[in-house]
C-alpha atoms as a PDB file:
ATOM      1  CA  MET A   1       5.676   3.603  23.138  1.00  0.00           C
ATOM      2  CA  GLN A   2       4.236   2.599  19.674  1.00  0.00           C
ATOM      3  CA  GLU A   3       6.221   0.586  17.145  1.00  0.00           C
ATOM      4  CA  THR A   4       7.014   2.080  14.235  1.00  0.00           C
ATOM      5  CA  PRO A   5       8.657   0.749  10.931  1.00  0.00           C
ATOM      6  CA  GLY A   6      12.287   1.626  10.290  1.00  0.00           C
ATOM      7  CA  LYS A   7      15.264   0.623   8.331  1.00  0.00           C
ATOM      8  CA  LEU A   8      13.403  -0.011   5.059  1.00  0.00           C
ATOM      9  CA  ARG A   9      14.923  -2.066   2.584  1.00  0.00           C
ATOM     10  CA  GLY A  10      13.149  -2.795  -0.753  1.00  0.00           C
ATOM     11  CA  CYS A  11      12.715  -1.836  -4.598  1.00  0.00           C
ATOM     12  CA  ARG A  12      12.371   1.925  -5.603  1.00  0.00           C
ATOM     13  CA  GLY A  13      11.070   3.225  -9.132  1.00  0.00           C
ATOM     14  CA  PHE A  14      11.745   5.797 -11.815  1.00  0.00           C
ATOM     15  CA  PHE A  15       9.734   7.814 -14.553  1.00  0.00           C
ATOM     16  CA  VAL A  16      10.851   7.987 -18.138  1.00  0.00           C
ATOM     17  CA  ARG A  17       9.260   8.134 -21.729  1.00  0.00           C
ATOM     18  CA  ILE A  18       7.025   5.051 -22.189  1.00  0.00           C
ATOM     19  CA  ILE A  19       7.874   2.358 -24.488  1.00  0.00           C
ATOM     20  CA  ARG A  20       5.625  -0.628 -24.971  1.00  0.00           C
ATOM     21  CA  LEU A  21       6.845  -4.159 -24.508  1.00  0.00           C
ATOM     22  CA  SER A  22       4.739  -7.442 -25.218  1.00  0.00           C
ATOM     23  CA  CYS A  23       3.798 -10.301 -23.161  1.00  0.00           C
ATOM     24  CA  LEU A  24       4.284  -8.556 -19.592  1.00  0.00           C
ATOM     25  CA  ALA A  25       1.303 -10.410 -18.181  1.00  0.00           C
ATOM     26  CA  ALA A  26       2.981 -13.569 -19.238  1.00  0.00           C
ATOM     27  CA  THR A  27       6.231 -12.517 -17.887  1.00  0.00           C
ATOM     28  CA  ALA A  28       4.921 -11.617 -14.621  1.00  0.00           C
ATOM     29  CA  ALA A  29       3.165 -14.759 -14.087  1.00  0.00           C
ATOM     30  CA  ALA A  30       6.368 -16.698 -15.181  1.00  0.00           C
ATOM     31  CA  ILE A  31       8.510 -14.877 -12.774  1.00  0.00           C
ATOM     32  CA  LEU A  32       6.095 -14.893  -9.541  1.00  0.00           C
ATOM     33  CA  ALA A  33       4.817 -18.528  -9.884  1.00  0.00           C
ATOM     34  CA  ALA A  34       6.089 -20.576  -7.217  1.00  0.00           C
ATOM     35  CA  PRO A  35       5.799 -24.325  -6.322  1.00  0.00           C
ATOM     36  CA  ALA A  36       3.386 -25.127  -3.935  1.00  0.00           C
ATOM     37  CA  THR A  37       4.863 -25.487  -0.669  1.00  0.00           C
ATOM     38  CA  ALA A  38       4.537 -28.389   1.660  1.00  0.00           C
ATOM     39  CA  ALA A  39       5.075 -26.185   4.864  1.00  0.00           C
ATOM     40  CA  GLU A  40       2.069 -26.551   7.301  1.00  0.00           C
ATOM     41  CA  ARG A  41      -0.093 -23.373   7.157  1.00  0.00           C
ATOM     42  CA  LEU A  42       0.567 -21.293  10.447  1.00  0.00           C
ATOM     43  CA  LEU A  43      -2.937 -20.200  12.081  1.00  0.00           C
ATOM     44  CA  LEU A  44      -2.784 -17.218  14.140  1.00  0.00           C
ATOM     45  CA  GLU A  45      -5.865 -16.262  16.260  1.00  0.00           C
ATOM     46  CA  PRO A  46      -6.925 -13.086  17.545  1.00  0.00           C
ATOM     47  CA  ALA A  47      -5.014 -12.152  20.864  1.00  0.00           C
ATOM     48  CA  SER A  48      -6.643  -8.724  21.156  1.00  0.00           C
ATOM     49  CA  PRO A  49      -9.817  -6.751  20.030  1.00  0.00           C
ATOM     50  CA  TRP A  50      -9.544  -4.610  17.071  1.00  0.00           C
ATOM     51  CA  GLN A  51      -8.429  -0.836  17.947  1.00  0.00           C
ATOM     52  CA  LEU A  52      -9.018   2.262  15.624  1.00  0.00           C
ATOM     53  CA  ARG A  53      -6.738   5.239  15.822  1.00  0.00           C
ATOM     54  CA  GLU A  54      -7.166   8.647  13.687  1.00  0.00           C
ATOM     55  CA  TYR A  55      -4.040  10.230  12.598  1.00  0.00           C
ATOM     56  CA  GLU A  56      -4.068  13.570  10.683  1.00  0.00           C
ATOM     57  CA  ASP A  57      -3.104  11.788   7.277  1.00  0.00           C
ATOM     58  CA  ARG A  58      -4.665   8.131   7.891  1.00  0.00           C
ATOM     59  CA  CYS A  59      -7.051   5.792   9.711  1.00  0.00           C
ATOM     60  CA  ARG A  60      -5.762   2.726  11.216  1.00  0.00           C
ATOM     61  CA  ALA A  61      -7.335  -0.365  12.443  1.00  0.00           C
ATOM     62  CA  SER A  62      -4.903  -2.755  14.450  1.00  0.00           C
ATOM     63  CA  ARG A  63      -5.095  -6.121  15.959  1.00  0.00           C
ATOM     64  CA  GLU A  64      -2.666  -8.584  17.612  1.00  0.00           C
ATOM     65  CA  PHE A  65      -2.593 -12.362  16.709  1.00  0.00           C
ATOM     66  CA  GLY A  66      -0.879 -15.316  18.001  1.00  0.00           C
ATOM     67  CA  GLU A  67       1.103 -15.944  21.033  1.00  0.00           C
ATOM     68  CA  GLY A  68       4.763 -15.738  22.213  1.00  0.00           C
ATOM     69  CA  GLU A  69       7.346 -16.034  19.322  1.00  0.00           C
ATOM     70  CA  GLN A  70       4.619 -16.003  16.993  1.00  0.00           C
ATOM     71  CA  ARG A  71       2.856 -13.063  18.047  1.00  0.00           C
ATOM     72  CA  THR A  72       2.008 -10.624  14.867  1.00  0.00           C
ATOM     73  CA  THR A  73       0.493  -7.247  14.615  1.00  0.00           C
ATOM     74  CA  LEU A  74      -1.686  -6.484  11.769  1.00  0.00           C
ATOM     75  CA  TRP A  75      -2.488  -2.717  10.732  1.00  0.00           C
ATOM     76  CA  ILE A  76      -5.128  -1.763   8.138  1.00  0.00           C
ATOM     77  CA  GLU A  77      -5.088   1.754   7.251  1.00  0.00           C
ATOM     78  CA  GLN A  78      -7.170   3.747   4.907  1.00  0.00           C
ATOM     79  CA  GLY A  79      -6.294   7.554   3.780  1.00  0.00           C
ATOM     80  CA  GLY A  80      -9.610   8.697   2.016  1.00  0.00           C
ATOM     81  CA  LEU A  81     -12.895   7.667   0.328  1.00  0.00           C
ATOM     82  CA  GLU A  82     -11.653   4.519  -1.457  1.00  0.00           C
ATOM     83  CA  PRO A  83     -11.594   1.098  -0.148  1.00  0.00           C
ATOM     84  CA  ILE A  84      -7.884   0.957  -0.796  1.00  0.00           C
ATOM     85  CA  TYR A  85      -5.772  -0.096   2.181  1.00  0.00           C
ATOM     86  CA  ASN A  86      -2.026  -0.032   3.196  1.00  0.00           C
ATOM     87  CA  VAL A  87      -1.369  -3.425   5.071  1.00  0.00           C
ATOM     88  CA  THR A  88       1.340  -4.000   7.635  1.00  0.00           C
ATOM     89  CA  LEU A  89       2.226  -7.242   9.389  1.00  0.00           C
ATOM     90  CA  ILE A  90       5.123  -7.042  12.128  1.00  0.00           C
ATOM     91  CA  GLY A  91       6.135 -10.094  13.797  1.00  0.00           C
ATOM     92  CA  GLN A  92       8.599 -12.987  13.719  1.00  0.00           C
ATOM     93  CA  PRO A  93       6.582 -15.129  10.992  1.00  0.00           C
ATOM     94  CA  LEU A  94       7.542 -12.481   8.648  1.00  0.00           C
ATOM     95  CA  ARG A  95      11.331 -12.451   9.104  1.00  0.00           C
ATOM     96  CA  ASN A  96      13.649 -12.803   6.098  1.00  0.00           C
ATOM     97  CA  PRO A  97      11.194 -12.729   3.208  1.00  0.00           C
ATOM     98  CA  TYR A  98      12.927 -13.970  -0.118  1.00  0.00           C
ATOM     99  CA  GLY A  99      10.708 -13.797  -3.060  1.00  0.00           C
ATOM    100  CA  ALA A 100       9.716 -10.985  -5.482  1.00  0.00           C
ATOM    101  CA  GLY A 101       6.068 -11.292  -4.761  1.00  0.00           C
ATOM    102  CA  ILE A 102       3.629 -12.534  -2.167  1.00  0.00           C
ATOM    103  CA  HIS A 103       0.372 -14.188  -2.640  1.00  0.00           C
ATOM    104  CA  VAL A 104      -2.542 -12.500  -0.702  1.00  0.00           C
ATOM    105  CA  ARG A 105      -6.159 -13.655  -0.104  1.00  0.00           C
ATOM    106  CA  PHE A 106      -9.238 -12.155   1.736  1.00  0.00           C
ATOM    107  CA  GLY A 107     -11.545 -14.859   2.837  1.00  0.00           C
ATOM    108  CA  GLU A 108     -12.740 -16.643  -0.271  1.00  0.00           C
ATOM    109  CA  ASN A 109     -12.246 -13.817  -2.663  1.00  0.00           C
ATOM    110  CA  PRO A 110      -9.525 -14.828  -5.345  1.00  0.00           C
ATOM    111  CA  GLU A 111      -6.229 -14.846  -4.476  1.00  0.00           C
ATOM    112  CA  PHE A 112      -3.711 -12.065  -5.974  1.00  0.00           C
ATOM    113  CA  ILE A 113      -0.236 -11.730  -6.158  1.00  0.00           C
ATOM    114  CA  ARG A 114       1.581  -8.549  -4.606  1.00  0.00           C
ATOM    115  CA  SER A 115       4.960  -6.846  -4.185  1.00  0.00           C
ATOM    116  CA  TYR A 116       5.931  -5.838  -0.819  1.00  0.00           C
ATOM    117  CA  ILE A 117       8.411  -3.944   1.370  1.00  0.00           C
ATOM    118  CA  ALA A 118      10.323  -5.643   4.182  1.00  0.00           C
ATOM    119  CA  ALA A 119      11.492  -3.555   7.054  1.00  0.00           C
ATOM    120  CA  GLU A 120      12.706  -3.766  10.647  1.00  0.00           C
ATOM    121  CA  SER A 121      10.307  -1.845  13.281  1.00  0.00           C
ATOM    122  CA  SER A 122      11.745   0.375  15.784  1.00  0.00           C
ATOM    123  CA  LYS A 123      11.661  -2.664  18.321  1.00  0.00           C
ATOM    124  CA  GLY A 124      13.578  -4.953  15.838  1.00  0.00           C
ATOM    125  CA  ARG A 125      10.884  -7.041  14.646  1.00  0.00           C
ATOM    126  CA  PRO A 126      10.321  -7.944  11.165  1.00  0.00           C
ATOM    127  CA  VAL A 127       7.789  -5.800   9.050  1.00  0.00           C
ATOM    128  CA  LEU A 128       6.052  -6.390   5.852  1.00  0.00           C
ATOM    129  CA  THR A 129       4.103  -3.615   4.190  1.00  0.00           C
ATOM    130  CA  MET A 130       1.933  -3.511   1.088  1.00  0.00           C
ATOM    131  CA  TYR A 131       0.596  -0.390  -0.256  1.00  0.00           C
ATOM    132  CA  GLY A 132      -2.923   0.173  -2.297  1.00  0.00           C
ATOM    133  CA  VAL A 133      -4.239  -3.250  -1.418  1.00  0.00           C
ATOM    134  CA  THR A 134      -7.972  -3.959  -2.547  1.00  0.00           C
ATOM    135  CA  VAL A 135     -10.080  -6.632  -1.463  1.00  0.00           C
ATOM    136  CA  ARG A 136     -11.475  -6.946  -4.827  1.00  0.00           C
ATOM    137  CA  GLN A 137      -9.085  -7.362  -7.654  1.00  0.00           C
ATOM    138  CA  PRO A 138      -9.649  -6.257 -11.321  1.00  0.00           C
ATOM    139  CA  LYS A 139      -8.654  -8.489 -13.977  1.00  0.00           C
ATOM    140  CA  MET A 140      -4.992  -8.257 -15.160  1.00  0.00           C
ATOM    141  CA  GLN A 141      -5.685  -6.641 -18.658  1.00  0.00           C
ATOM    142  CA  ARG A 142      -8.615  -4.825 -20.285  1.00  0.00           C
ATOM    143  CA  ASP A 143      -9.717  -3.254 -23.419  1.00  0.00           C
ATOM    144  CA  GLY A 144      -8.595   0.285 -24.151  1.00  0.00           C
ATOM    145  CA  ASP A 145     -12.373   1.266 -24.337  1.00  0.00           C
ATOM    146  CA  GLU A 146     -13.562  -0.333 -21.167  1.00  0.00           C
ATOM    147  CA  GLU A 147     -14.076   1.895 -17.824  1.00  0.00           C
ATOM    148  CA  ALA A 148     -11.867   1.453 -15.154  1.00  0.00           C
ATOM    149  CA  PRO A 149     -12.579  -1.326 -12.875  1.00  0.00           C
ATOM    150  CA  ASP A 150     -14.718  -0.842  -9.581  1.00  0.00           C
ATOM    151  CA  LEU A 151     -12.400  -1.829  -6.777  1.00  0.00           C
ATOM    152  CA  GLY A 152     -15.127  -1.468  -4.300  1.00  0.00           C
ATOM    153  CA  PHE A 153     -17.058  -4.173  -2.445  1.00  0.00           C
ATOM    154  CA  ASP A 154     -20.254  -4.330  -0.966  1.00  0.00           C
ATOM    155  CA  ILE A 155     -19.576  -3.547   2.711  1.00  0.00           C
ATOM    156  CA  GLY A 156     -22.465  -6.083   3.593  1.00  0.00           C
ATOM    157  CA  ASP A 157     -20.116  -8.714   2.310  1.00  0.00           C
ATOM    158  CA  ALA A 158     -17.393  -8.086   4.741  1.00  0.00           C
ATOM    159  CA  ASN A 159     -18.798 -10.414   7.484  1.00  0.00           C
ATOM    160  CA  ALA A 160     -17.976 -13.105   5.206  1.00  0.00           C
ATOM    161  CA  ILE A 161     -14.259 -12.064   4.995  1.00  0.00           C
ATOM    162  CA  THR A 162     -12.940 -13.977   8.313  1.00  0.00           C
ATOM    163  CA  THR A 163      -9.519 -14.916   7.097  1.00  0.00           C
ATOM    164  CA  LEU A 164      -6.361 -13.172   5.669  1.00  0.00           C
ATOM    165  CA  ASP A 165      -4.063 -15.473   4.004  1.00  0.00           C
ATOM    166  CA  LEU A 166      -0.519 -14.890   2.745  1.00  0.00           C
ATOM    167  CA  ARG A 167       1.949 -17.243   1.147  1.00  0.00           C
ATOM    168  CA  THR A 168       5.104 -17.517  -1.087  1.00  0.00           C
ATOM    169  CA  SER A 169       8.011 -15.147  -0.070  1.00  0.00           C
ATOM    170  CA  ILE A 170       7.688 -16.067   3.508  1.00  0.00           C
ATOM    171  CA  ARG A 171       9.137 -18.948   5.526  1.00  0.00           C
ATOM    172  CA  GLN A 172       5.459 -20.607   6.247  1.00  0.00           C
ATOM    173  CA  PRO A 173       2.218 -19.940   5.035  1.00  0.00           C
ATOM    174  CA  ILE A 174       0.272 -17.764   7.334  1.00  0.00           C
ATOM    175  CA  ARG A 175      -3.699 -17.390   7.901  1.00  0.00           C
ATOM    176  CA  LEU A 176      -4.784 -14.763  10.355  1.00  0.00           C
ATOM    177  CA  ALA A 177      -8.429 -15.067  11.705  1.00  0.00           C
ATOM    178  CA  ILE A 178      -9.349 -11.610  11.192  1.00  0.00           C
ATOM    179  CA  GLY A 179     -13.031 -11.445  10.766  1.00  0.00           C
ATOM    180  CA  PRO A 180     -15.887 -11.056  10.524  1.00  0.00           C
ATOM    181  CA  MET A 181     -15.091  -7.669   9.010  1.00  0.00           C
ATOM    182  CA  LEU A 182     -18.310  -5.672   8.569  1.00  0.00           C
ATOM    183  CA  GLU A 183     -17.646  -3.353  11.715  1.00  0.00           C
ATOM    184  CA  THR A 184     -13.835  -2.815  11.007  1.00  0.00           C
ATOM    185  CA  PHE A 185     -14.054  -2.013   7.319  1.00  0.00           C
ATOM    186  CA  GLY A 186     -17.347   0.163   8.121  1.00  0.00           C
ATOM    187  CA  VAL A 187     -15.542   2.170  10.724  1.00  0.00           C
ATOM    188  CA  LEU A 188     -12.455   2.643   8.483  1.00  0.00           C
ATOM    189  CA  GLY A 189     -14.576   3.798   5.661  1.00  0.00           C
ATOM    190  CA  LEU A 190     -16.339   6.372   7.896  1.00  0.00           C
ATOM    191  CA  CYS A 191     -13.065   7.635   9.232  1.00  0.00           C
ATOM    192  CA  GLY A 192     -11.573   7.965   5.869  1.00  0.00           C
ATOM    193  CA  ALA A 193     -14.463   9.978   4.477  1.00  0.00           C
ATOM    194  CA  LYS A 194     -13.995  12.405   7.219  1.00  0.00           C
ATOM    195  CA  LEU A 195     -10.235  12.454   6.688  1.00  0.00           C
ATOM    196  CA  SER A 196     -11.007  13.088   2.676  1.00  0.00           C
ATOM    197  CA  GLY A 197     -13.076  15.984   3.527  1.00  0.00           C
ATOM    198  CA  ILE A 198     -10.459  17.687   5.523  1.00  0.00           C
ATOM    199  CA  LEU A 199      -7.499  16.953   3.474  1.00  0.00           C
ATOM    200  CA  SER A 200      -9.449  17.615   0.004  1.00  0.00           C
ATOM    201  CA  GLU A 201     -10.093  21.213   1.106  1.00  0.00           C
ATOM    202  CA  ALA A 202      -7.108  22.023   2.632  1.00  0.00           C
ATOM    203  CA  GLY A 203      -4.889  24.446   0.640  1.00  0.00           C
ATOM    204  CA  ARG A 204      -7.604  25.425  -1.891  1.00  0.00           C
ATOM    205  CA  PRO A 205      -7.064  28.860  -3.004  1.00  0.00           C
ATOM    206  CA  LEU A 206     -10.276  30.363  -1.680  1.00  0.00           C
ATOM    207  CA  THR A 207      -8.456  33.593  -0.214  1.00  0.00           C
ATOM    208  CA  GLY A 208      -5.104  34.941  -1.234  1.00  0.00           C
ATOM    209  CA  GLU A 209      -3.285  33.337   1.556  1.00  0.00           C
ATOM    210  CA  ALA A 210      -4.351  29.917   0.985  1.00  0.00           C
ATOM    211  CA  LYS A 211      -2.477  27.658  -1.232  1.00  0.00           C
ATOM    212  CA  PRO A 212      -1.882  23.812  -2.217  1.00  0.00           C
ATOM    213  CA  PRO A 213       1.270  22.308  -1.714  1.00  0.00           C
ATOM    214  CA  VAL A 214       4.217  22.900  -4.100  1.00  0.00           C
ATOM    215  CA  ALA A 215       6.576  19.884  -5.082  1.00  0.00           C
ATOM    216  CA  ILE A 216      10.217  20.805  -4.732  1.00  0.00           C
ATOM    217  CA  LYS A 217      12.436  19.105  -7.603  1.00  0.00           C
ATOM    218  CA  PRO A 218      10.045  16.286  -8.352  1.00  0.00           C
ATOM    219  CA  ASP A 219      12.380  15.087 -11.096  1.00  0.00           C
ATOM    220  CA  SER A 220      14.835  13.970  -8.195  1.00  0.00           C
ATOM    221  CA  TRP A 221      12.398  11.763  -6.014  1.00  0.00           C
ATOM    222  CA  LEU A 222      12.657   8.517  -8.238  1.00  0.00           C
ATOM    223  CA  THR A 223      15.472   8.042 -10.978  1.00  0.00           C
ATOM    224  CA  ALA A 224      16.508   5.755 -13.386  1.00  0.00           C
ATOM    225  CA  VAL A 225      19.107   3.778 -11.244  1.00  0.00           C
ATOM    226  CA  ASP A 226      16.327   3.020  -8.964  1.00  0.00           C
ATOM    227  CA  TYR A 227      14.339   0.675 -11.394  1.00  0.00           C
ATOM    228  CA  PRO A 228      13.730  -2.557  -9.608  1.00  0.00           C
ATOM    229  CA  GLY A 229      16.292  -5.006 -10.796  1.00  0.00           C
ATOM    230  CA  TRP A 230      14.419  -8.207 -11.401  1.00  0.00           C
ATOM    231  CA  LEU A 231      11.411  -6.085 -13.083  1.00  0.00           C
ATOM    232  CA  ALA A 232      14.277  -4.404 -15.493  1.00  0.00           C
ATOM    233  CA  ARG A 233      15.662  -7.910 -16.183  1.00  0.00           C
ATOM    234  CA  ALA A 234      12.027  -9.295 -17.188  1.00  0.00           C
ATOM    235  CA  GLN A 235      11.529  -6.481 -19.316  1.00  0.00           C
ATOM    236  CA  MET A 236       8.375  -5.340 -17.546  1.00  0.00           C
ATOM    237  CA  GLU A 237       6.648  -1.857 -17.320  1.00  0.00           C
ATOM    238  CA  GLY A 238       4.147  -0.300 -15.043  1.00  0.00           C
ATOM    239  CA  ARG A 239       1.925   2.719 -14.508  1.00  0.00           C
ATOM    240  CA  VAL A 240       1.086   3.698 -10.621  1.00  0.00           C
ATOM    241  CA  THR A 241      -0.847   6.878  -9.455  1.00  0.00           C
ATOM    242  CA  VAL A 242      -0.665   7.688  -5.831  1.00  0.00           C
ATOM    243  CA  ARG A 243      -2.148  10.075  -3.506  1.00  0.00           C
ATOM    244  CA  LEU A 244       0.352  11.553  -0.871  1.00  0.00           C
ATOM    245  CA  THR A 245      -0.561  13.112   2.345  1.00  0.00           C
ATOM    246  CA  VAL A 246       1.730  16.010   2.660  1.00  0.00           C
ATOM    247  CA  ASP A 247       2.178  17.298   6.448  1.00  0.00           C
ATOM    248  CA  ARG A 248       2.850  20.640   7.733  1.00  0.00           C
ATOM    249  CA  GLU A 249       6.659  20.154   7.363  1.00  0.00           C
ATOM    250  CA  GLY A 250       6.255  19.457   3.695  1.00  0.00           C
ATOM    251  CA  ARG A 251       7.246  15.833   3.911  1.00  0.00           C
ATOM    252  CA  ALA A 252       5.067  12.842   2.637  1.00  0.00           C
ATOM    253  CA  SER A 253       3.486  11.549   5.579  1.00  0.00           C
ATOM    254  CA  SER A 254       1.199   8.635   4.110  1.00  0.00           C
ATOM    255  CA  CYS A 255       1.166   7.183   0.372  1.00  0.00           C
ATOM    256  CA  PHE A 256      -1.972   5.616  -1.057  1.00  0.00           C
ATOM    257  CA  VAL A 257      -2.084   3.756  -4.503  1.00  0.00           C
ATOM    258  CA  THR A 258      -5.058   5.130  -6.283  1.00  0.00           C
ATOM    259  CA  GLU A 259      -4.732   3.384  -9.619  1.00  0.00           C
ATOM    260  CA  SER A 260      -2.293   0.704 -10.849  1.00  0.00           C
ATOM    261  CA  ASN A 261      -1.866  -1.904 -13.597  1.00  0.00           C
ATOM    262  CA  LYS A 262      -2.035  -5.370 -12.541  1.00  0.00           C
ATOM    263  CA  PRO A 263      -0.179  -7.344 -11.266  1.00  0.00           C
ATOM    264  CA  GLN A 264       0.632  -4.698  -8.647  1.00  0.00           C
ATOM    265  CA  LEU A 265       4.475  -5.270  -8.640  1.00  0.00           C
ATOM    266  CA  PHE A 266       5.537  -1.345  -8.776  1.00  0.00           C
ATOM    267  CA  ASP A 267       3.266   0.009  -6.161  1.00  0.00           C
ATOM    268  CA  ASP A 268       5.592  -0.567  -3.138  1.00  0.00           C
ATOM    269  CA  ALA A 269       8.471   0.626  -5.197  1.00  0.00           C
ATOM    270  CA  VAL A 270       6.839   4.138  -5.648  1.00  0.00           C
ATOM    271  CA  CYS A 271       5.478   4.478  -2.323  1.00  0.00           C
ATOM    272  CA  LEU A 272       8.840   3.836  -0.538  1.00  0.00           C
ATOM    273  CA  GLY A 273      10.705   6.207  -3.048  1.00  0.00           C
ATOM    274  CA  LEU A 274       8.239   8.954  -2.480  1.00  0.00           C
ATOM    275  CA  MET A 275       7.786   8.539   1.063  1.00  0.00           C
ATOM    276  CA  LYS A 276      11.642   8.832   1.394  1.00  0.00           C
ATOM    277  CA  ARG A 277      12.650  11.453  -0.923  1.00  0.00           C
ATOM    278  CA  ALA A 278       9.310  13.877  -1.768  1.00  0.00           C
ATOM    279  CA  ARG A 279       9.593  17.241  -0.374  1.00  0.00           C
ATOM    280  CA  PHE A 280       7.140  20.191  -0.485  1.00  0.00           C
ATOM    281  CA  GLU A 281       6.273  23.532   0.231  1.00  0.00           C
ATOM    282  CA  PRO A 282       3.306  22.598   2.486  1.00  0.00           C
ATOM    283  CA  ALA A 283      -0.329  23.715   1.712  1.00  0.00           C
ATOM    284  CA  ARG A 284      -1.490  26.572   3.369  1.00  0.00           C
ATOM    285  CA  ASN A 285      -4.981  27.758   4.989  1.00  0.00           C
ATOM    286  CA  ALA A 286      -6.843  31.080   4.648  1.00  0.00           C
ATOM    287  CA  ALA A 287      -4.524  32.297   7.548  1.00  0.00           C
ATOM    288  CA  GLY A 288      -1.517  31.336   5.746  1.00  0.00           C
ATOM    289  CA  GLU A 289      -0.726  28.622   8.349  1.00  0.00           C
ATOM    290  CA  PRO A 290       0.679  25.327   7.004  1.00  0.00           C
ATOM    291  CA  VAL A 291      -1.722  22.344   7.172  1.00  0.00           C
ATOM    292  CA  ALA A 292      -1.753  18.853   5.990  1.00  0.00           C
ATOM    293  CA  SER A 293      -3.223  18.242   2.498  1.00  0.00           C
ATOM    294  CA  TYR A 294      -3.353  15.628  -0.380  1.00  0.00           C
ATOM    295  CA  TYR A 295      -0.840  15.763  -3.405  1.00  0.00           C
ATOM    296  CA  PHE A 296      -1.480  13.349  -6.339  1.00  0.00           C
ATOM    297  CA  HIS A 297       1.487  11.827  -8.295  1.00  0.00           C
ATOM    298  CA  GLY A 298       1.814   9.598 -11.205  1.00  0.00           C
ATOM    299  CA  ILE A 299       4.821   7.492 -12.311  1.00  0.00           C
ATOM    300  CA  SER A 300       5.655   5.409 -15.555  1.00  0.00           C
ATOM    301  CA  PHE A 301       8.048   2.706 -15.201  1.00  0.00           C
ATOM    302  CA  THR A 302       9.389   2.010 -18.889  1.00  0.00           C
ATOM    303  CA  MET A 303      12.279   0.210 -20.344  1.00  0.00           C
ATOM    304  CA  SER A 304      14.119   2.299 -23.029  1.00  0.00           C
END
């Protein structure tokens, strides 16, 4: 039986009128800064080959690392054309995370800070999930007339990515020997492109019967009482745009962050809340049958 996340616990979000606050980047850096740890890094070597699974709403590359009590499962999921991934780690090394953000690094690329969702799998193993992860990170701030940053990376450089490092907020720094990643990222990209073509076309009103998904009470999905407390105390704001995949039952079956301000502190809050609460009338094809499809949703976190 396949292991699945369950019993989620973590932060959620809301959207209200935007009010600008100053020094947000400095505040984020101050809150998330952590003293260097003296704990020895845990190196987890591969214990299985990469496996690819294609789902109706996402493509997943998975691999096992480590042995015995340190056994850890890594999922890297892609849901469309963009090289934007949902990253999930399952295993005892991820138990009882305690901080607001985690430092992540792919190979020799610059380290970045991410929020995360802590959970427990259907088999009782600790789960740590990060939504909307990119290998390349844009700078935290840019001028208003600058173009949106290119989050892609040269797939030819993927073979240089041989490790995934995580530190802070977990009991011991972890290094997974994941690479070289050329084949894995390449296969995920091809799968994501095929999936994007299917889900982008689903529900397009080419006939009287076909229609896109219709949101049901979207104002109730994320509410003011769900603003992450530590971010509210720091007077931090954020903007997040996500792409949901809506299944045939009208539920959000996957969530991928397509745009977010940096550092990425609200991304997981948005996806967690929407995955739990978002409901739709599903898209329908030309025959009037319910089909899976994309739905885009934007959220602004503000202080009033």
